[in-house]
Amino acid sequence: MLSLESSLVVKATLPAVKASAVAISDAMYESLLASDPELKSLFNMGNQANGEQKLALATSVVAGAEFLVGDDIPFAAMLDRISHKHASLGISPSQYTVVARHLMKAVGEVLGAAVTPEVAAAWDEVYWLFACHLIAAEARLYQQAGVEAHSALAEWNVVRRREEVEDVVSFGLTPANGDAIPSFLPGQYVSVAVDLPDGSHQLRQYSISNAPGGDTLRITVRRMRSADGKPDGAVSTKLVESVFEGARLHLSKPFGDVGMEDGEGPVVLASAGIGITPIVSMVDHLVRSKPEREVVVVHADRSPATHAFRDEVSSAVASMSRARQLTWYESGEPGSQGASGREEVRQGYVEADRIPVPEKAKAYLCGPLPFMRTVRSALIGNGVDSSDISYEVFGPDLWAGQPDVAVL
């Protein structure tokens, strides 16, 4: 708990810190990465360039402070998400000390004379309460995975490569040391380390796109092409263009706060674009373990030509006794049906209120934030409890403040 003295100071200064949080985060990252360039491997430099990583840090620190002073913030869920991401990157407790130094330096630079010793002490307490929660959670995750921070990566062999659709490639992987494939929950991810042509080293998270218990672990990569002034994705381009059967990759153990637990009740699985990757793992798992479970599979894509795993999911739906499928394309094949006879294909943007929602369903979502917000709102409107809706975000979690419009 935050001390009473610090709580009063934080409440008084929270509006000013909140208004300057992104500037503080920006200054912190600039100072941190200048002092230790090797830390760049832990951060997606594309997200650094477009500002998303800075916004995510600012949002999380402010949310942590709001929680500590008594505001109703879903802090536990935020901690869970961050700790899984940190564990996949091999973050160690000592790195929190480094971040603290640069963060408090940035607070002083941005807020200037307003940062009295009392203010600095109060916000330092906020940071360390936040950090200690994460350090403890990450220690548990490392223990469960049987790894230690900074030694979380292992070599894996690329034994299969398959082109799914244009710019989307799946890789089948096995541990290079002959160990068994580690257990995981459908929907979780691994970090993949890549050495780039400029000599830099980067880590990215990719969802596992097959069910547990197979002879390989499959990840699926979409090559990120330049758009809206953003450059090509460096890691995705390297993987898609340069990694073939016989290559080796360094992977973390599986982590991720969104994982489908076994159960009996109905499930709604909703995805858009490459957000299908964790969803197809869940579909694969249901086919293998609970083919009689009631399942509604919803997907949105630009066209059938860009829809990865279209045939795989359609065949899965056909093999399950109580599954149905609803697909939206911006263009192409309105009114058609898939192989199961239980797939309805529509044209245009997602009409979320048309999604059939079984009673007492659990839902798993993955796709662009506007898509997920729209679907989530419709699910809640159809009686699904918000606690029964899980979502996965590719990249920094910027859920707050996104508009409720369905776009791909």
Protein backbone atom coordinates (compact mmCIF):
# COMPACT_ATOMS: atom_id res chain seq x y z
CA MET A 1 0.00 0.00 0.00
CA LEU A 2 1.08 3.55 -0.68
CA SER A 3 1.87 5.45 2.52
CA LEU A 4 -0.68 8.06 3.59
CA GLU A 5 1.82 10.89 3.18
CA SER A 6 2.75 9.79 -0.34
CA SER A 7 -0.88 9.14 -1.26
CA LEU A 8 -1.79 12.75 -0.50
CA VAL A 9 1.13 14.04 -2.59
CA VAL A 10 0.36 11.73 -5.50
CA LYS A 11 -3.33 12.72 -5.51
CA ALA A 12 -2.36 16.39 -5.61
CA THR A 13 0.20 16.00 -8.39
CA LEU A 14 -1.51 13.28 -10.45
CA PRO A 15 -3.20 15.72 -12.88
CA ALA A 16 0.12 17.38 -13.71
CA VAL A 17 1.95 14.07 -14.09
CA LYS A 18 -0.89 12.64 -16.20
CA ALA A 19 -0.83 15.66 -18.52
CA SER A 20 2.94 15.28 -18.99
CA ALA A 21 3.16 11.48 -18.84
CA VAL A 22 4.02 10.96 -22.51
CA ALA A 23 6.70 13.67 -22.40
CA ILE A 24 8.15 12.04 -19.26
CA SER A 25 8.12 8.63 -20.93
CA ASP A 26 9.77 10.08 -24.03
CA ALA A 27 12.56 11.66 -21.97
CA MET A 28 13.01 8.47 -19.96
CA TYR A 29 13.49 6.26 -23.03
CA GLU A 30 15.85 8.78 -24.65
CA SER A 31 18.03 8.85 -21.54
CA LEU A 32 17.85 5.09 -20.94
CA LEU A 33 18.74 4.01 -24.47
CA ALA A 34 21.50 6.61 -24.79
CA SER A 35 23.15 5.35 -21.61
CA ASP A 36 22.92 1.68 -22.57
CA PRO A 37 22.30 1.05 -26.31
CA GLU A 38 22.25 -2.72 -25.72
CA LEU A 39 18.85 -2.29 -24.08
CA LYS A 40 17.46 -1.50 -27.54
CA SER A 41 17.19 -5.26 -28.08
CA LEU A 42 14.41 -5.36 -25.47
CA PHE A 43 12.29 -2.72 -27.14
CA ASN A 44 10.52 -2.74 -30.48
CA MET A 45 12.28 0.18 -32.10
CA GLY A 46 9.41 0.63 -34.54
CA ASN A 47 7.07 1.20 -31.59
CA GLN A 48 9.68 3.55 -30.14
CA ALA A 49 9.69 5.54 -33.37
CA ASN A 50 5.91 5.80 -33.71
CA GLY A 51 5.42 6.65 -30.03
CA GLU A 52 3.29 3.66 -29.08
CA GLN A 53 5.78 2.25 -26.57
CA LYS A 54 6.12 5.63 -24.86
CA LEU A 55 2.36 5.99 -24.63
CA ALA A 56 2.02 2.48 -23.22
CA LEU A 57 4.56 3.18 -20.46
CA ALA A 58 2.92 6.50 -19.62
CA THR A 59 -0.51 4.88 -19.45
CA SER A 60 0.65 2.03 -17.21
CA VAL A 61 2.51 4.26 -14.73
CA VAL A 62 -0.42 6.65 -14.43
CA ALA A 63 -2.86 3.73 -14.06
CA GLY A 64 -0.67 2.28 -11.32
CA ALA A 65 -0.70 5.59 -9.46
CA GLU A 66 -4.48 5.91 -9.86
CA PHE A 67 -4.93 2.43 -8.44
CA LEU A 68 -2.66 3.13 -5.49
CA VAL A 69 -4.62 6.24 -4.52
CA GLY A 70 -7.89 4.33 -4.60
CA ASP A 71 -9.28 4.73 -8.12
CA ASP A 72 -11.13 1.82 -9.71
CA ILE A 73 -8.49 0.67 -12.20
CA PRO A 74 -8.11 -2.95 -13.47
CA PHE A 75 -4.60 -3.02 -12.07
CA ALA A 76 -4.28 -6.79 -11.59
CA ALA A 77 -5.04 -7.46 -15.25
CA MET A 78 -2.52 -4.82 -16.32
CA LEU A 79 0.17 -6.33 -14.09
CA ASP A 80 -0.53 -9.80 -15.44
CA ARG A 81 -0.20 -8.65 -19.04
CA ILE A 82 3.02 -6.72 -18.43
CA SER A 83 4.65 -9.47 -16.38
CA HIS A 84 4.07 -12.08 -19.10
CA LYS A 85 5.55 -9.75 -21.71
CA HIS A 86 8.56 -9.02 -19.49
CA ALA A 87 9.11 -12.72 -18.78
CA SER A 88 9.15 -13.49 -22.50
CA LEU A 89 11.88 -10.85 -22.87
CA GLY A 90 13.96 -12.12 -19.94
CA ILE A 91 13.66 -8.92 -17.90
CA SER A 92 15.64 -9.13 -14.63
CA PRO A 93 15.06 -7.35 -11.27
CA SER A 94 18.24 -5.30 -11.67
CA GLN A 95 16.83 -3.63 -14.78
CA TYR A 96 14.06 -2.06 -12.71
CA THR A 97 16.71 -0.13 -10.79
CA VAL A 98 18.12 1.23 -14.04
CA VAL A 99 14.68 2.26 -15.28
CA ALA A 100 13.88 3.93 -11.94
CA ARG A 101 16.95 6.14 -12.21
CA HIS A 102 16.13 7.33 -15.71
CA LEU A 103 12.40 7.67 -15.01
CA MET A 104 12.87 9.92 -12.00
CA LYS A 105 15.44 11.93 -13.93
CA ALA A 106 12.86 12.42 -16.69
CA VAL A 107 10.19 13.48 -14.20
CA GLY A 108 12.52 16.19 -12.92
CA GLU A 109 13.44 17.36 -16.43
CA VAL A 110 9.84 17.63 -17.62
CA LEU A 111 8.16 19.01 -14.49
CA GLY A 112 11.08 21.11 -13.28
CA ALA A 113 10.75 23.00 -10.00
CA ALA A 114 7.38 21.38 -9.30
CA VAL A 115 9.28 18.21 -8.34
CA THR A 116 10.10 18.97 -4.73
CA PRO A 117 11.86 16.33 -2.60
CA GLU A 118 8.44 15.32 -1.24
CA VAL A 119 7.00 14.92 -4.73
CA ALA A 120 10.02 12.95 -5.93
CA ALA A 121 9.83 10.63 -2.91
CA ALA A 122 6.10 10.01 -3.39
CA TRP A 123 6.43 9.12 -7.07
CA ASP A 124 9.50 7.00 -6.38
CA GLU A 125 7.33 5.04 -3.94
CA VAL A 126 4.66 4.62 -6.64
CA TYR A 127 7.24 3.28 -9.06
CA TRP A 128 8.72 0.78 -6.62
CA LEU A 129 5.36 -0.56 -5.49
CA PHE A 130 4.53 -1.08 -9.16
CA ALA A 131 7.96 -2.62 -9.85
CA CYS A 132 7.88 -4.95 -6.85
CA HIS A 133 4.53 -6.36 -7.95
CA LEU A 134 6.00 -7.04 -11.40
CA ILE A 135 9.26 -8.49 -10.09
CA ALA A 136 7.35 -10.95 -7.90
CA ALA A 137 4.97 -11.93 -10.71
CA GLU A 138 7.84 -12.42 -13.15
CA ALA A 139 9.75 -14.53 -10.65
CA ARG A 140 6.76 -16.87 -10.44
CA LEU A 141 6.53 -17.08 -14.22
CA TYR A 142 10.26 -17.87 -14.54
CA GLN A 143 9.93 -20.58 -11.89
CA GLN A 144 6.92 -22.13 -13.63
CA ALA A 145 8.76 -22.11 -16.96
CA GLY A 146 11.98 -23.50 -15.46
CA VAL A 147 14.14 -20.64 -16.70
CA GLU A 148 15.92 -17.63 -15.24
CA ALA A 149 15.91 -14.05 -16.39
CA HIS A 150 18.51 -13.33 -19.09
CA SER A 151 18.73 -17.04 -19.92
CA ALA A 152 15.19 -17.46 -21.19
CA LEU A 153 16.07 -18.10 -24.86
CA ALA A 154 16.90 -21.48 -26.38
CA GLU A 155 17.77 -22.68 -29.90
CA TRP A 156 15.00 -24.19 -32.03
CA ASN A 157 15.19 -25.85 -35.45
CA VAL A 158 12.99 -24.68 -38.30
CA VAL A 159 11.65 -27.97 -39.64
CA ARG A 160 8.75 -26.64 -41.72
CA ARG A 161 7.95 -23.46 -43.60
CA ARG A 162 4.59 -22.82 -45.22
CA GLU A 163 3.28 -19.82 -47.14
CA GLU A 164 -0.24 -19.20 -45.83
CA VAL A 165 -1.25 -16.18 -47.91
CA GLU A 166 0.76 -13.35 -49.39
CA ASP A 167 3.19 -11.95 -46.79
CA VAL A 168 2.13 -14.51 -44.16
CA VAL A 169 4.42 -17.45 -43.39
CA SER A 170 4.20 -20.21 -40.79
CA PHE A 171 7.24 -21.89 -39.26
CA GLY A 172 7.17 -25.32 -37.61
CA LEU A 173 9.80 -25.51 -34.86
CA THR A 174 11.36 -28.14 -32.62
CA PRO A 175 13.88 -27.69 -29.77
CA ALA A 176 17.43 -28.02 -31.09
CA ASN A 177 18.52 -29.94 -27.97
CA GLY A 178 15.91 -32.63 -28.49
CA ASP A 179 13.81 -31.65 -25.48
CA ALA A 180 10.05 -32.00 -25.55
CA ILE A 181 8.03 -29.03 -26.71
CA PRO A 182 7.06 -27.09 -23.56
CA SER A 183 3.44 -27.02 -22.48
CA PHE A 184 1.39 -23.92 -23.18
CA LEU A 185 -2.17 -22.68 -23.28
CA PRO A 186 -3.84 -21.99 -26.63
CA GLY A 187 -3.48 -18.26 -27.23
CA GLN A 188 -0.04 -17.79 -25.68
CA TYR A 189 3.08 -16.58 -27.49
CA VAL A 190 6.86 -16.89 -27.63
CA SER A 191 9.54 -14.26 -28.10
CA VAL A 192 11.75 -14.73 -31.15
CA ALA A 193 15.25 -13.19 -31.33
CA VAL A 194 16.54 -11.97 -34.69
CA ASP A 195 19.88 -10.46 -35.75
CA LEU A 196 19.18 -7.73 -38.29
CA PRO A 197 21.33 -6.65 -41.26
CA ASP A 198 22.38 -3.43 -39.50
CA GLY A 199 23.94 -5.48 -36.70
CA SER A 200 21.19 -4.83 -34.18
CA HIS A 201 19.44 -7.54 -32.20
CA GLN A 202 15.67 -7.48 -31.71
CA LEU A 203 13.02 -9.56 -29.95
CA ARG A 204 9.41 -9.90 -31.08
CA GLN A 205 6.48 -11.86 -29.71
CA TYR A 206 4.57 -14.20 -32.03
CA SER A 207 1.48 -16.17 -31.09
CA ILE A 208 1.71 -19.94 -31.19
CA SER A 209 -0.69 -20.89 -33.98
CA ASN A 210 -1.23 -24.59 -33.28
CA ALA A 211 -2.60 -26.56 -30.36
CA PRO A 212 -0.52 -27.96 -27.51
CA GLY A 213 0.60 -31.55 -27.86
CA GLY A 214 1.77 -31.49 -31.49
CA ASP A 215 5.11 -32.61 -32.88
CA THR A 216 6.11 -29.00 -33.59
CA LEU A 217 5.46 -25.56 -32.22
CA ARG A 218 4.11 -23.33 -34.98
CA ILE A 219 4.43 -19.56 -35.18
CA THR A 220 2.98 -17.45 -37.96
CA VAL A 221 4.52 -14.19 -39.14
CA ARG A 222 2.95 -11.48 -41.26
CA ARG A 223 5.46 -9.30 -43.05
CA MET A 224 4.72 -5.73 -42.01
CA ARG A 225 4.85 -3.56 -45.12
CA SER A 226 5.41 0.19 -44.99
CA ALA A 227 2.23 2.23 -44.66
CA ASP A 228 1.21 5.68 -43.45
CA GLY A 229 4.83 6.78 -43.36
CA LYS A 230 5.93 3.82 -41.23
CA PRO A 231 8.87 1.67 -42.44
CA ASP A 232 8.73 -2.04 -43.20
CA GLY A 233 8.81 -4.26 -40.14
CA ALA A 234 12.48 -5.18 -39.74
CA VAL A 235 11.99 -8.44 -37.84
CA SER A 236 9.02 -9.71 -39.81
CA THR A 237 10.78 -8.93 -43.10
CA LYS A 238 13.90 -10.81 -41.98
CA LEU A 239 11.89 -13.86 -40.92
CA VAL A 240 9.73 -13.99 -44.04
CA GLU A 241 12.56 -13.33 -46.52
CA SER A 242 15.48 -15.16 -44.92
CA VAL A 243 14.35 -18.03 -42.68
CA PHE A 244 13.81 -21.43 -44.28
CA GLU A 245 13.84 -25.09 -43.28
CA GLY A 246 17.14 -25.99 -41.66
CA ALA A 247 17.63 -22.60 -40.04
CA ARG A 248 17.76 -22.05 -36.29
CA LEU A 249 15.93 -19.46 -34.24
CA HIS A 250 16.19 -18.46 -30.58
CA LEU A 251 12.87 -18.64 -28.75
CA SER A 252 11.64 -17.99 -25.25
CA LYS A 253 9.37 -20.37 -23.39
CA PRO A 254 5.66 -19.74 -24.00
CA PHE A 255 4.10 -16.91 -22.02
CA GLY A 256 0.98 -14.78 -22.27
CA ASP A 257 -1.87 -13.73 -20.03
CA VAL A 258 -4.50 -14.80 -22.57
CA GLY A 259 -4.78 -18.58 -22.67
CA MET A 260 -7.81 -20.79 -23.17
CA GLU A 261 -8.43 -23.00 -20.16
CA ASP A 262 -10.29 -26.29 -20.59
CA GLY A 263 -14.00 -26.08 -19.88
CA GLU A 264 -17.44 -27.17 -20.97
CA GLY A 265 -19.30 -23.93 -21.72
CA PRO A 266 -19.74 -22.19 -25.07
CA VAL A 267 -16.97 -20.10 -26.60
CA VAL A 268 -16.92 -17.14 -28.98
CA LEU A 269 -13.64 -16.69 -30.87
CA ALA A 270 -13.37 -13.40 -32.76
CA SER A 271 -10.42 -12.22 -34.84
CA ALA A 272 -9.49 -9.82 -37.61
CA GLY A 273 -6.54 -9.96 -39.99
CA ILE A 274 -3.42 -11.57 -38.54
CA GLY A 275 -5.20 -11.63 -35.18
CA ILE A 276 -6.35 -15.07 -36.27
CA THR A 277 -3.05 -16.62 -35.11
CA PRO A 278 -3.90 -17.19 -31.42
CA ILE A 279 -7.50 -17.98 -32.37
CA VAL A 280 -6.49 -20.79 -34.74
CA SER A 281 -4.52 -22.33 -31.87
CA MET A 282 -7.72 -22.33 -29.82
CA VAL A 283 -9.74 -23.82 -32.68
CA ASP A 284 -7.11 -26.52 -33.17
CA HIS A 285 -7.21 -27.30 -29.45
CA LEU A 286 -11.01 -27.54 -29.38
CA VAL A 287 -11.04 -29.92 -32.35
CA ARG A 288 -8.57 -32.20 -30.56
CA SER A 289 -10.01 -32.03 -27.05
CA LYS A 290 -13.65 -30.86 -27.06
CA PRO A 291 -15.19 -31.29 -30.53
CA GLU A 292 -18.66 -31.31 -28.96
CA ARG A 293 -18.23 -27.88 -27.31
CA GLU A 294 -20.43 -25.06 -28.64
CA VAL A 295 -18.20 -22.66 -30.59
CA VAL A 296 -18.83 -19.52 -32.62
CA VAL A 297 -15.87 -18.50 -34.82
CA VAL A 298 -15.94 -14.93 -36.14
CA HIS A 299 -13.34 -13.44 -38.46
CA ALA A 300 -12.95 -10.24 -40.48
CA ASP A 301 -10.47 -9.74 -43.31
CA ARG A 302 -9.92 -7.64 -46.39
CA SER A 303 -10.67 -10.48 -48.81
CA PRO A 304 -10.49 -14.28 -49.06
CA ALA A 305 -7.01 -13.88 -50.58
CA THR A 306 -5.67 -12.27 -47.39
CA HIS A 307 -7.46 -14.62 -44.97
CA ALA A 308 -4.80 -16.85 -43.41
CA PHE A 309 -5.89 -20.32 -42.19
CA ARG A 310 -9.22 -20.00 -43.98
CA ASP A 311 -9.36 -23.65 -45.07
CA GLU A 312 -7.90 -24.92 -41.79
CA VAL A 313 -10.54 -23.19 -39.67
CA SER A 314 -13.36 -24.11 -42.06
CA SER A 315 -12.37 -27.78 -41.90
CA ALA A 316 -12.22 -27.59 -38.12
CA VAL A 317 -15.70 -26.09 -37.95
CA ALA A 318 -16.94 -28.88 -40.23
CA SER A 319 -15.58 -31.52 -37.85
CA MET A 320 -17.18 -30.08 -34.70
CA SER A 321 -20.78 -30.92 -33.94
CA ARG A 322 -21.82 -27.55 -32.46
CA ALA A 323 -19.57 -25.05 -34.23
CA ARG A 324 -20.57 -22.27 -36.59
CA GLN A 325 -18.59 -19.67 -38.46
CA LEU A 326 -19.27 -16.10 -39.49
CA THR A 327 -16.83 -14.27 -41.79
CA TRP A 328 -16.79 -10.70 -43.06
CA TYR A 329 -14.73 -9.55 -46.04
CA GLU A 330 -14.37 -5.96 -47.18
CA SER A 331 -14.74 -7.42 -50.66
CA GLY A 332 -15.57 -10.80 -52.16
CA GLU A 333 -18.01 -13.69 -51.98
CA PRO A 334 -20.96 -12.32 -50.02
CA GLY A 335 -23.50 -14.98 -49.04
CA SER A 336 -21.26 -17.98 -49.72
CA GLN A 337 -20.78 -20.90 -47.36
CA GLY A 338 -17.71 -22.82 -46.31
CA ALA A 339 -17.08 -26.55 -46.35
CA SER A 340 -19.05 -27.12 -43.13
CA GLY A 341 -22.27 -25.63 -44.45
CA ARG A 342 -22.25 -23.66 -41.20
CA GLU A 343 -20.11 -20.74 -42.35
CA GLU A 344 -21.84 -17.55 -43.37
CA VAL A 345 -19.78 -15.07 -45.39
CA ARG A 346 -20.76 -11.41 -45.53
CA GLN A 347 -19.36 -8.38 -47.30
CA GLY A 348 -18.47 -5.07 -45.69
CA TYR A 349 -17.47 -4.06 -42.18
CA VAL A 350 -18.22 -6.25 -39.20
CA GLU A 351 -21.78 -6.03 -37.94
CA ALA A 352 -20.94 -6.98 -34.40
CA ASP A 353 -24.57 -7.10 -33.30
CA ARG A 354 -25.11 -9.94 -35.81
CA ILE A 355 -22.71 -12.25 -33.98
CA PRO A 356 -24.67 -15.15 -32.46
CA VAL A 357 -23.81 -15.24 -28.76
CA PRO A 358 -24.62 -18.42 -26.80
CA GLU A 359 -25.76 -18.01 -23.22
CA LYS A 360 -22.95 -18.00 -20.63
CA ALA A 361 -20.27 -17.85 -23.33
CA LYS A 362 -16.63 -16.99 -22.79
CA ALA A 363 -15.02 -14.91 -25.51
CA TYR A 364 -11.49 -14.49 -26.83
CA LEU A 365 -10.64 -11.60 -29.15
CA CYS A 366 -7.60 -10.68 -31.22
CA GLY A 367 -7.24 -8.03 -33.89
CA PRO A 368 -6.98 -4.25 -34.27
CA LEU A 369 -8.16 -2.39 -31.18
CA PRO A 370 -11.17 -0.73 -32.86
CA PHE A 371 -12.39 -4.15 -34.02
CA MET A 372 -12.02 -5.65 -30.55
CA ARG A 373 -13.72 -2.71 -28.84
CA THR A 374 -16.66 -2.99 -31.22
CA VAL A 375 -17.00 -6.73 -30.73
CA ARG A 376 -16.56 -6.47 -26.97
CA SER A 377 -19.31 -3.86 -26.72
CA ALA A 378 -21.65 -6.07 -28.74
CA LEU A 379 -20.87 -9.11 -26.61
CA ILE A 380 -21.56 -7.22 -23.40
CA GLY A 381 -24.79 -5.93 -24.94
CA ASN A 382 -25.75 -9.56 -25.60
CA GLY A 383 -25.23 -10.57 -21.99
CA VAL A 384 -21.60 -11.66 -21.85
CA ASP A 385 -19.98 -10.59 -18.59
CA SER A 386 -16.93 -8.38 -19.14
CA SER A 387 -14.88 -10.72 -16.93
CA ASP A 388 -15.54 -13.50 -19.45
CA ILE A 389 -14.00 -11.56 -22.35
CA SER A 390 -10.24 -11.85 -22.92
CA TYR A 391 -8.31 -10.02 -25.61
CA GLU A 392 -4.79 -10.18 -27.04
CA VAL A 393 -3.03 -7.11 -28.40
CA PHE A 394 -0.13 -7.28 -30.84
CA GLY A 395 2.27 -4.57 -29.70
CA PRO A 396 1.81 -2.11 -26.82
CA ASP A 397 -1.59 -2.33 -25.14
CA LEU A 398 -3.23 0.98 -26.01
CA TRP A 399 -6.82 -0.12 -25.36
CA ALA A 400 -7.78 3.04 -23.49
CA GLY A 401 -9.04 5.87 -25.65
CA GLN A 402 -9.52 3.95 -28.86
CA PRO A 403 -12.74 4.64 -30.79
CA ASP A 404 -15.56 2.11 -31.01
CA VAL A 405 -15.48 1.68 -34.78
CA ALA A 406 -14.89 -1.50 -36.71
CA VAL A 407 -12.00 -1.12 -39.13
CA LEU A 408 -9.27 -3.53 -40.21
